[in-house]
Amino acid sequence: MNIYQHYRPEEHAFIDKVDGWKTEVAQQYSVRLTDFLNPREQHITQQIIGNHPDVSLSFWGGSSYSERKRALLHPPFVPVHQEDYKVSCFEVNYPAKFIKLEHKDILGSLMNLGVKREKYGDIIVSGETIQIAAAGEIADYLSVNFEKAGRAAVSLKPLKGDLLASEEEYIEKSGTVTSLRLDAVMSEIYSISRSKASALISGSKVKVNWRTIENTSFEMAAGDHLSVRGYGRSKLISIDGQTKKDKQRISFGILK
C-alpha cells in the first residue's frame, strides 16, 4: 500500500523522516528525540508509528496542555522520564507595568536569534505573565541572547515546574460538508458562505497548520488547525463518515 496516498504532497518529506525514525529505533534499539512538532505533525507521527511492536511513542511540551510537543521514540523496554524530553521552560522578566507584550513580539524576537522555529515550543501569554518552552540544547544560548522583545528589555528566569496551563478552550460541534475542500469546511465551521470563505482564502487571510493557504480546493484532514483573520481559530477534530446524501460528517472545535 502506498502510504503517501493518505497525505498531502507537502507532507511527504515529513513522512519519510518519521519512517526513518521508526526504522532506526526498531533496528538499532535506540532512542530518538525530535524537535517540537505542531499538532498535525504529532498526528502524522502517531499514524506512521501505529502499533509497532518495537517502537513506543510519547510526547511532552512543558505541560500536559501543551500544543507544540517533542516526540520521544524508544524501545518499549526503555523507561522514559520527563527530563528525557529535554524541554526547558522559562518565564520572561520585563517591565510589565509600562509595556504590553504580545505573542507575536516574543516569537518575532526569538526568531531573530537565528534559531529555527522547531526548537521553540509553546509561548504562553496570560495577562502579564509570559512563559516559553524551548529545546534544552538551546537553553543556555537563549538565556544569554534573548534580551529584547518589542520595545522592552527582557530576561529569562528558568521555571522549576510546568508551563501554565493553556487557557485555550474549544467549543466542540459537529456538522456536514459537501466535501473536505477548505472553502467548504470554513463555511461550515464559521457559518459563512463559500464565496466569503473563498474571498478570505484568496486574500491570504487563512492559515492551515500555521501556513498560509491560498487554494480554495485545498483538502482538509483530521487534526488540521485553522486560523482565519477576523474569525479566530478552530480545528478539524475528526471526519466521521458519510450521510445518506453522500455528505461528509465532521467534528470540529472553535476556540472560545
C-alpha atoms as a PDB file:
ATOM      1  CA  MET A   1       0.000   0.000   0.000  1.00  0.00           C
ATOM      2  CA  ASN A   2       1.271   3.448  -0.872  1.00  0.00           C
ATOM      3  CA  ILE A   3       1.443   5.326   2.418  1.00  0.00           C
ATOM      4  CA  TYR A   4       1.619   8.689   0.632  1.00  0.00           C
ATOM      5  CA  GLN A   5      -1.906   8.409  -0.745  1.00  0.00           C
ATOM      6  CA  HIS A   6      -3.327   9.374   2.645  1.00  0.00           C
ATOM      7  CA  TYR A   7      -1.307  12.575   2.927  1.00  0.00           C
ATOM      8  CA  ARG A   8      -0.647  15.820   1.111  1.00  0.00           C
ATOM      9  CA  PRO A   9       2.340  16.128  -1.219  1.00  0.00           C
ATOM     10  CA  GLU A  10       3.956  18.737   1.017  1.00  0.00           C
ATOM     11  CA  GLU A  11       3.804  16.267   3.930  1.00  0.00           C
ATOM     12  CA  HIS A  12       5.730  13.505   2.162  1.00  0.00           C
ATOM     13  CA  ALA A  13       9.151  14.720   3.319  1.00  0.00           C
ATOM     14  CA  PHE A  14       7.992  14.678   6.940  1.00  0.00           C
ATOM     15  CA  ILE A  15       6.504  11.194   6.480  1.00  0.00           C
ATOM     16  CA  ASP A  16       9.879   9.969   5.187  1.00  0.00           C
ATOM     17  CA  LYS A  17      11.538  11.481   8.241  1.00  0.00           C
ATOM     18  CA  VAL A  18       9.148   9.753  10.662  1.00  0.00           C
ATOM     19  CA  ASP A  19       9.530   6.451   8.823  1.00  0.00           C
ATOM     20  CA  GLY A  20      13.300   6.831   9.155  1.00  0.00           C
ATOM     21  CA  TRP A  21      12.985   7.410  12.899  1.00  0.00           C
ATOM     22  CA  LYS A  22      10.816   4.309  13.221  1.00  0.00           C
ATOM     23  CA  THR A  23      13.282   2.139  11.316  1.00  0.00           C
ATOM     24  CA  GLU A  24      16.224   3.475  13.306  1.00  0.00           C
ATOM     25  CA  VAL A  25      14.604   2.786  16.685  1.00  0.00           C
ATOM     26  CA  ALA A  26      13.294  -0.647  15.670  1.00  0.00           C
ATOM     27  CA  GLN A  27      16.552  -1.889  14.153  1.00  0.00           C
ATOM     28  CA  GLN A  28      19.078  -0.283  16.499  1.00  0.00           C
ATOM     29  CA  TYR A  29      17.041  -0.303  19.737  1.00  0.00           C
ATOM     30  CA  SER A  30      17.946   3.357  20.057  1.00  0.00           C
ATOM     31  CA  VAL A  31      16.074   6.383  21.399  1.00  0.00           C
ATOM     32  CA  ARG A  32      15.108   9.265  19.088  1.00  0.00           C
ATOM     33  CA  LEU A  33      14.093  12.691  20.408  1.00  0.00           C
ATOM     34  CA  THR A  34      12.535  15.061  17.868  1.00  0.00           C
ATOM     35  CA  ASP A  35      12.272  18.825  17.713  1.00  0.00           C
ATOM     36  CA  PHE A  36       8.939  20.396  18.684  1.00  0.00           C
ATOM     37  CA  LEU A  37       6.107  19.198  16.470  1.00  0.00           C
ATOM     38  CA  ASN A  38       2.856  21.004  15.795  1.00  0.00           C
ATOM     39  CA  PRO A  39      -0.408  19.072  16.335  1.00  0.00           C
ATOM     40  CA  ARG A  40      -0.668  17.986  12.698  1.00  0.00           C
ATOM     41  CA  GLU A  41       2.878  16.597  12.784  1.00  0.00           C
ATOM     42  CA  GLN A  42       2.098  14.801  16.046  1.00  0.00           C
ATOM     43  CA  HIS A  43      -0.973  13.278  14.408  1.00  0.00           C
ATOM     44  CA  ILE A  44       1.050  12.074  11.412  1.00  0.00           C
ATOM     45  CA  THR A  45       3.766  10.668  13.676  1.00  0.00           C
ATOM     46  CA  GLN A  46       1.194   8.670  15.639  1.00  0.00           C
ATOM     47  CA  GLN A  47      -0.282   7.282  12.420  1.00  0.00           C
ATOM     48  CA  ILE A  48       3.098   6.278  10.954  1.00  0.00           C
ATOM     49  CA  ILE A  49       4.339   4.620  14.141  1.00  0.00           C
ATOM     50  CA  GLY A  50       0.963   2.966  14.759  1.00  0.00           C
ATOM     51  CA  ASN A  51       1.119  -0.109  16.984  1.00  0.00           C
ATOM     52  CA  HIS A  52       4.663  -1.066  16.032  1.00  0.00           C
ATOM     53  CA  PRO A  53       5.751  -3.791  18.479  1.00  0.00           C
ATOM     54  CA  ASP A  54       9.310  -2.467  18.772  1.00  0.00           C
ATOM     55  CA  VAL A  55       8.662   1.280  18.900  1.00  0.00           C
ATOM     56  CA  SER A  56       6.889   3.210  21.649  1.00  0.00           C
ATOM     57  CA  LEU A  57       5.905   6.849  21.173  1.00  0.00           C
ATOM     58  CA  SER A  58       5.170   9.620  23.657  1.00  0.00           C
ATOM     59  CA  PHE A  59       5.045  13.433  23.673  1.00  0.00           C
ATOM     60  CA  TRP A  60       5.853  16.268  26.061  1.00  0.00           C
ATOM     61  CA  GLY A  61       5.989  20.031  25.596  1.00  0.00           C
ATOM     62  CA  GLY A  62       6.303  21.540  29.065  1.00  0.00           C
ATOM     63  CA  SER A  63       2.836  20.725  30.380  1.00  0.00           C
ATOM     64  CA  SER A  64       0.047  18.255  29.740  1.00  0.00           C
ATOM     65  CA  TYR A  65      -1.812  21.080  27.943  1.00  0.00           C
ATOM     66  CA  SER A  66       0.998  21.971  25.522  1.00  0.00           C
ATOM     67  CA  GLU A  67       0.145  22.362  21.857  1.00  0.00           C
ATOM     68  CA  ARG A  68       3.675  22.026  20.468  1.00  0.00           C
ATOM     69  CA  LYS A  69       5.476  18.945  21.802  1.00  0.00           C
ATOM     70  CA  ARG A  70       8.654  16.945  21.345  1.00  0.00           C
ATOM     71  CA  ALA A  71       8.220  13.295  20.440  1.00  0.00           C
ATOM     72  CA  LEU A  72      10.258  10.523  22.002  1.00  0.00           C
ATOM     73  CA  LEU A  73      10.532   7.255  20.091  1.00  0.00           C
ATOM     74  CA  HIS A  74      12.042   4.382  22.039  1.00  0.00           C
ATOM     75  CA  PRO A  75      12.009   0.607  22.501  1.00  0.00           C
ATOM     76  CA  PRO A  76       9.148  -0.499  24.788  1.00  0.00           C
ATOM     77  CA  PHE A  77      11.584  -1.818  27.401  1.00  0.00           C
ATOM     78  CA  VAL A  78      13.300   1.578  27.844  1.00  0.00           C
ATOM     79  CA  PRO A  79      11.773   3.619  30.706  1.00  0.00           C
ATOM     80  CA  VAL A  80      11.004   7.255  29.918  1.00  0.00           C
ATOM     81  CA  HIS A  81      11.215  10.173  32.348  1.00  0.00           C
ATOM     82  CA  GLN A  82      10.110  13.773  31.877  1.00  0.00           C
ATOM     83  CA  GLU A  83      13.687  15.044  31.742  1.00  0.00           C
ATOM     84  CA  ASP A  84      14.349  12.786  28.735  1.00  0.00           C
ATOM     85  CA  TYR A  85      12.340  15.172  26.546  1.00  0.00           C
ATOM     86  CA  LYS A  86      14.860  17.958  27.239  1.00  0.00           C
ATOM     87  CA  VAL A  87      12.263  20.716  27.402  1.00  0.00           C
ATOM     88  CA  SER A  88      13.422  23.874  29.193  1.00  0.00           C
ATOM     89  CA  CYS A  89      10.746  26.272  30.439  1.00  0.00           C
ATOM     90  CA  PHE A  90      11.285  29.955  31.188  1.00  0.00           C
ATOM     91  CA  GLU A  91       9.375  32.944  32.472  1.00  0.00           C
ATOM     92  CA  VAL A  92      10.035  36.271  30.760  1.00  0.00           C
ATOM     93  CA  ASN A  93      11.010  39.159  33.013  1.00  0.00           C
ATOM     94  CA  TYR A  94      10.045  42.556  31.570  1.00  0.00           C
ATOM     95  CA  PRO A  95       8.631  45.910  32.802  1.00  0.00           C
ATOM     96  CA  ALA A  96       5.001  44.752  32.662  1.00  0.00           C
ATOM     97  CA  LYS A  97       3.714  47.929  34.339  1.00  0.00           C
ATOM     98  CA  PHE A  98       4.890  50.049  31.434  1.00  0.00           C
ATOM     99  CA  ILE A  99       4.864  47.829  28.342  1.00  0.00           C
ATOM    100  CA  LYS A 100       2.460  45.224  26.996  1.00  0.00           C
ATOM    101  CA  LEU A 101       3.993  42.341  25.087  1.00  0.00           C
ATOM    102  CA  GLU A 102       2.063  40.030  22.789  1.00  0.00           C
ATOM    103  CA  HIS A 103       2.733  36.557  21.442  1.00  0.00           C
ATOM    104  CA  LYS A 104       3.952  37.988  18.126  1.00  0.00           C
ATOM    105  CA  ASP A 105       6.509  40.207  19.920  1.00  0.00           C
ATOM    106  CA  ILE A 106       8.026  37.239  21.715  1.00  0.00           C
ATOM    107  CA  LEU A 107       8.039  34.915  18.712  1.00  0.00           C
ATOM    108  CA  GLY A 108       9.478  37.591  16.422  1.00  0.00           C
ATOM    109  CA  SER A 109      12.347  38.288  18.806  1.00  0.00           C
ATOM    110  CA  LEU A 110      13.058  34.592  19.300  1.00  0.00           C
ATOM    111  CA  MET A 111      13.199  34.014  15.542  1.00  0.00           C
ATOM    112  CA  ASN A 112      15.629  36.911  15.190  1.00  0.00           C
ATOM    113  CA  LEU A 113      18.119  34.947  17.292  1.00  0.00           C
ATOM    114  CA  GLY A 114      18.770  32.679  14.316  1.00  0.00           C
ATOM    115  CA  VAL A 115      17.242  29.559  15.861  1.00  0.00           C
ATOM    116  CA  LYS A 116      14.700  27.603  13.818  1.00  0.00           C
ATOM    117  CA  ARG A 117      11.050  27.556  14.934  1.00  0.00           C
ATOM    118  CA  GLU A 118      11.189  23.833  15.645  1.00  0.00           C
ATOM    119  CA  LYS A 119      13.433  24.480  18.658  1.00  0.00           C
ATOM    120  CA  TYR A 120      10.686  26.502  20.359  1.00  0.00           C
ATOM    121  CA  GLY A 121       7.578  25.071  21.943  1.00  0.00           C
ATOM    122  CA  ASP A 122       4.567  26.972  23.221  1.00  0.00           C
ATOM    123  CA  ILE A 123       4.655  30.655  24.072  1.00  0.00           C
ATOM    124  CA  ILE A 124       2.103  31.314  26.810  1.00  0.00           C
ATOM    125  CA  VAL A 125       0.846  34.874  27.336  1.00  0.00           C
ATOM    126  CA  SER A 126      -1.564  35.092  30.266  1.00  0.00           C
ATOM    127  CA  GLY A 127      -2.122  38.639  31.484  1.00  0.00           C
ATOM    128  CA  GLU A 128       1.300  39.993  32.411  1.00  0.00           C
ATOM    129  CA  THR A 129       2.818  36.526  32.692  1.00  0.00           C
ATOM    130  CA  ILE A 130       4.767  35.228  29.698  1.00  0.00           C
ATOM    131  CA  GLN A 131       6.312  31.779  29.566  1.00  0.00           C
ATOM    132  CA  ILE A 132       8.339  29.973  26.909  1.00  0.00           C
ATOM    133  CA  ALA A 133       9.194  26.334  26.243  1.00  0.00           C
ATOM    134  CA  ALA A 134      12.408  25.646  24.347  1.00  0.00           C
ATOM    135  CA  ALA A 135      14.630  22.721  23.457  1.00  0.00           C
ATOM    136  CA  GLY A 136      17.125  22.060  26.219  1.00  0.00           C
ATOM    137  CA  GLU A 137      20.022  22.176  23.761  1.00  0.00           C
ATOM    138  CA  ILE A 138      19.455  25.899  23.142  1.00  0.00           C
ATOM    139  CA  ALA A 139      18.588  26.850  26.737  1.00  0.00           C
ATOM    140  CA  ASP A 140      21.958  28.393  27.570  1.00  0.00           C
ATOM    141  CA  TYR A 141      22.118  30.299  24.281  1.00  0.00           C
ATOM    142  CA  LEU A 142      18.611  31.610  24.851  1.00  0.00           C
ATOM    143  CA  SER A 143      19.351  32.742  28.398  1.00  0.00           C
ATOM    144  CA  VAL A 144      22.302  34.810  27.225  1.00  0.00           C
ATOM    145  CA  ASN A 145      20.960  36.231  23.959  1.00  0.00           C
ATOM    146  CA  PHE A 146      17.233  36.841  24.479  1.00  0.00           C
ATOM    147  CA  GLU A 147      17.475  40.432  25.680  1.00  0.00           C
ATOM    148  CA  LYS A 148      14.753  42.346  23.847  1.00  0.00           C
ATOM    149  CA  ALA A 149      11.161  41.803  22.721  1.00  0.00           C
ATOM    150  CA  GLY A 150       9.174  44.548  21.046  1.00  0.00           C
ATOM    151  CA  ARG A 151      10.348  47.742  22.757  1.00  0.00           C
ATOM    152  CA  ALA A 152      11.083  46.030  26.057  1.00  0.00           C
ATOM    153  CA  ALA A 153      14.304  44.854  27.631  1.00  0.00           C
ATOM    154  CA  VAL A 154      13.761  41.266  28.751  1.00  0.00           C
ATOM    155  CA  SER A 155      15.496  38.448  30.567  1.00  0.00           C
ATOM    156  CA  LEU A 156      14.636  34.830  31.239  1.00  0.00           C
ATOM    157  CA  LYS A 157      14.102  33.058  34.542  1.00  0.00           C
ATOM    158  CA  PRO A 158      14.097  29.238  34.488  1.00  0.00           C
ATOM    159  CA  LEU A 159      10.839  27.655  35.636  1.00  0.00           C
ATOM    160  CA  LYS A 160      11.068  24.841  38.149  1.00  0.00           C
ATOM    161  CA  GLY A 161       7.644  23.417  37.315  1.00  0.00           C
ATOM    162  CA  ASP A 162       5.445  23.047  34.255  1.00  0.00           C
ATOM    163  CA  LEU A 163       4.258  25.795  31.956  1.00  0.00           C
ATOM    164  CA  LEU A 164       0.989  27.463  32.834  1.00  0.00           C
ATOM    165  CA  ALA A 165      -1.987  25.523  31.599  1.00  0.00           C
ATOM    166  CA  SER A 166      -3.090  26.906  28.265  1.00  0.00           C
ATOM    167  CA  GLU A 167      -6.237  28.965  28.554  1.00  0.00           C
ATOM    168  CA  GLU A 168      -7.363  27.832  25.119  1.00  0.00           C
ATOM    169  CA  GLU A 169     -10.748  26.140  25.242  1.00  0.00           C
ATOM    170  CA  TYR A 170     -12.586  24.852  22.198  1.00  0.00           C
ATOM    171  CA  ILE A 171     -16.336  24.605  21.788  1.00  0.00           C
ATOM    172  CA  GLU A 172     -16.882  21.263  20.074  1.00  0.00           C
ATOM    173  CA  LYS A 173     -19.531  20.953  17.387  1.00  0.00           C
ATOM    174  CA  SER A 174     -20.456  18.668  14.517  1.00  0.00           C
ATOM    175  CA  GLY A 175     -21.811  19.270  11.041  1.00  0.00           C
ATOM    176  CA  THR A 176     -21.812  18.102   7.441  1.00  0.00           C
ATOM    177  CA  VAL A 177     -19.955  19.331   4.365  1.00  0.00           C
ATOM    178  CA  THR A 178     -20.287  18.533   0.677  1.00  0.00           C
ATOM    179  CA  SER A 179     -16.531  17.949   0.506  1.00  0.00           C
ATOM    180  CA  LEU A 180     -13.382  18.436   2.574  1.00  0.00           C
ATOM    181  CA  ARG A 181     -12.268  21.408   0.490  1.00  0.00           C
ATOM    182  CA  LEU A 182     -11.003  24.273   2.594  1.00  0.00           C
ATOM    183  CA  ASP A 183     -13.755  26.662   1.494  1.00  0.00           C
ATOM    184  CA  ALA A 184     -16.478  24.115   2.297  1.00  0.00           C
ATOM    185  CA  VAL A 185     -15.071  23.314   5.740  1.00  0.00           C
ATOM    186  CA  MET A 186     -14.626  27.000   6.561  1.00  0.00           C
ATOM    187  CA  SER A 187     -18.208  27.687   5.516  1.00  0.00           C
ATOM    188  CA  GLU A 188     -19.493  25.072   7.971  1.00  0.00           C
ATOM    189  CA  ILE A 189     -17.217  25.966  10.886  1.00  0.00           C
ATOM    190  CA  TYR A 190     -17.606  29.739  10.716  1.00  0.00           C
ATOM    191  CA  SER A 191     -21.189  29.848   9.380  1.00  0.00           C
ATOM    192  CA  ILE A 192     -20.232  31.922   6.354  1.00  0.00           C
ATOM    193  CA  SER A 193     -20.959  31.489   2.647  1.00  0.00           C
ATOM    194  CA  ARG A 194     -18.499  29.600   0.482  1.00  0.00           C
ATOM    195  CA  SER A 195     -17.969  32.730  -1.602  1.00  0.00           C
ATOM    196  CA  LYS A 196     -16.979  34.605   1.566  1.00  0.00           C
ATOM    197  CA  ALA A 197     -14.674  31.750   2.536  1.00  0.00           C
ATOM    198  CA  SER A 198     -13.110  31.819  -0.935  1.00  0.00           C
ATOM    199  CA  ALA A 199     -12.502  35.563  -0.689  1.00  0.00           C
ATOM    200  CA  LEU A 200     -10.749  35.127   2.664  1.00  0.00           C
ATOM    201  CA  ILE A 201      -8.581  32.339   1.260  1.00  0.00           C
ATOM    202  CA  SER A 202      -7.584  34.238  -1.889  1.00  0.00           C
ATOM    203  CA  GLY A 203      -6.917  37.298   0.281  1.00  0.00           C
ATOM    204  CA  SER A 204      -4.191  35.411   2.191  1.00  0.00           C
ATOM    205  CA  LYS A 205      -6.188  35.573   5.424  1.00  0.00           C
ATOM    206  CA  VAL A 206      -6.334  31.843   6.096  1.00  0.00           C
ATOM    207  CA  LYS A 207      -3.720  29.557   7.618  1.00  0.00           C
ATOM    208  CA  VAL A 208      -3.860  25.787   7.911  1.00  0.00           C
ATOM    209  CA  ASN A 209      -1.390  24.327  10.379  1.00  0.00           C
ATOM    210  CA  TRP A 210       0.339  27.720  10.644  1.00  0.00           C
ATOM    211  CA  ARG A 211       0.918  28.002   6.887  1.00  0.00           C
ATOM    212  CA  THR A 212      -0.926  30.483   4.650  1.00  0.00           C
ATOM    213  CA  ILE A 213      -3.112  28.668   2.114  1.00  0.00           C
ATOM    214  CA  GLU A 214      -4.460  30.475  -0.969  1.00  0.00           C
ATOM    215  CA  ASN A 215      -6.009  27.472  -2.722  1.00  0.00           C
ATOM    216  CA  THR A 216      -9.766  27.135  -2.115  1.00  0.00           C
ATOM    217  CA  SER A 217      -9.703  23.450  -3.110  1.00  0.00           C
ATOM    218  CA  PHE A 218      -7.038  22.594  -0.523  1.00  0.00           C
ATOM    219  CA  GLU A 219      -8.099  19.290   1.061  1.00  0.00           C
ATOM    220  CA  MET A 220      -8.576  19.354   4.831  1.00  0.00           C
ATOM    221  CA  ALA A 221      -7.722  16.403   7.084  1.00  0.00           C
ATOM    222  CA  ALA A 222      -8.413  15.331  10.655  1.00  0.00           C
ATOM    223  CA  GLY A 223      -6.142  17.149  13.087  1.00  0.00           C
ATOM    224  CA  ASP A 224      -5.807  20.282  10.954  1.00  0.00           C
ATOM    225  CA  HIS A 225      -5.765  23.634  12.729  1.00  0.00           C
ATOM    226  CA  LEU A 226      -7.344  26.664  11.065  1.00  0.00           C
ATOM    227  CA  SER A 227      -6.671  30.324  11.660  1.00  0.00           C
ATOM    228  CA  VAL A 228      -8.842  32.867   9.836  1.00  0.00           C
ATOM    229  CA  ARG A 229      -8.156  36.558  10.247  1.00  0.00           C
ATOM    230  CA  GLY A 230     -11.179  38.227  11.778  1.00  0.00           C
ATOM    231  CA  TYR A 231     -12.869  34.908  12.612  1.00  0.00           C
ATOM    232  CA  GLY A 232     -10.473  33.242  15.032  1.00  0.00           C
ATOM    233  CA  ARG A 233      -9.020  29.768  15.347  1.00  0.00           C
ATOM    234  CA  SER A 234     -10.566  26.336  15.015  1.00  0.00           C
ATOM    235  CA  LYS A 235      -9.593  22.746  14.437  1.00  0.00           C
ATOM    236  CA  LEU A 236     -10.991  19.835  12.459  1.00  0.00           C
ATOM    237  CA  ILE A 237     -11.182  17.108  15.091  1.00  0.00           C
ATOM    238  CA  SER A 238     -12.376  14.156  13.053  1.00  0.00           C
ATOM    239  CA  ILE A 239     -14.075  13.016   9.868  1.00  0.00           C
ATOM    240  CA  ASP A 240     -16.945  10.779  10.875  1.00  0.00           C
ATOM    241  CA  GLY A 241     -18.165   9.071   7.722  1.00  0.00           C
ATOM    242  CA  GLN A 242     -20.816   9.921   5.149  1.00  0.00           C
ATOM    243  CA  THR A 243     -24.510  10.698   5.294  1.00  0.00           C
ATOM    244  CA  LYS A 244     -27.070   9.015   3.056  1.00  0.00           C
ATOM    245  CA  LYS A 245     -26.781  12.021   0.745  1.00  0.00           C
ATOM    246  CA  ASP A 246     -23.004  11.498   0.442  1.00  0.00           C
ATOM    247  CA  LYS A 247     -22.088  14.464   2.616  1.00  0.00           C
ATOM    248  CA  GLN A 248     -19.131  14.197   4.977  1.00  0.00           C
ATOM    249  CA  ARG A 249     -19.822  14.291   8.706  1.00  0.00           C
ATOM    250  CA  ILE A 250     -17.213  16.279  10.614  1.00  0.00           C
ATOM    251  CA  SER A 251     -16.474  17.161  14.223  1.00  0.00           C
ATOM    252  CA  PHE A 252     -14.706  20.447  14.878  1.00  0.00           C
ATOM    253  CA  GLY A 253     -13.736  22.794  17.667  1.00  0.00           C
ATOM    254  CA  ILE A 254     -13.962  26.589  17.730  1.00  0.00           C
ATOM    255  CA  LEU A 255     -11.632  28.453  20.060  1.00  0.00           C
ATOM    256  CA  LYS A 256     -13.604  30.363  22.693  1.00  0.00           C
END
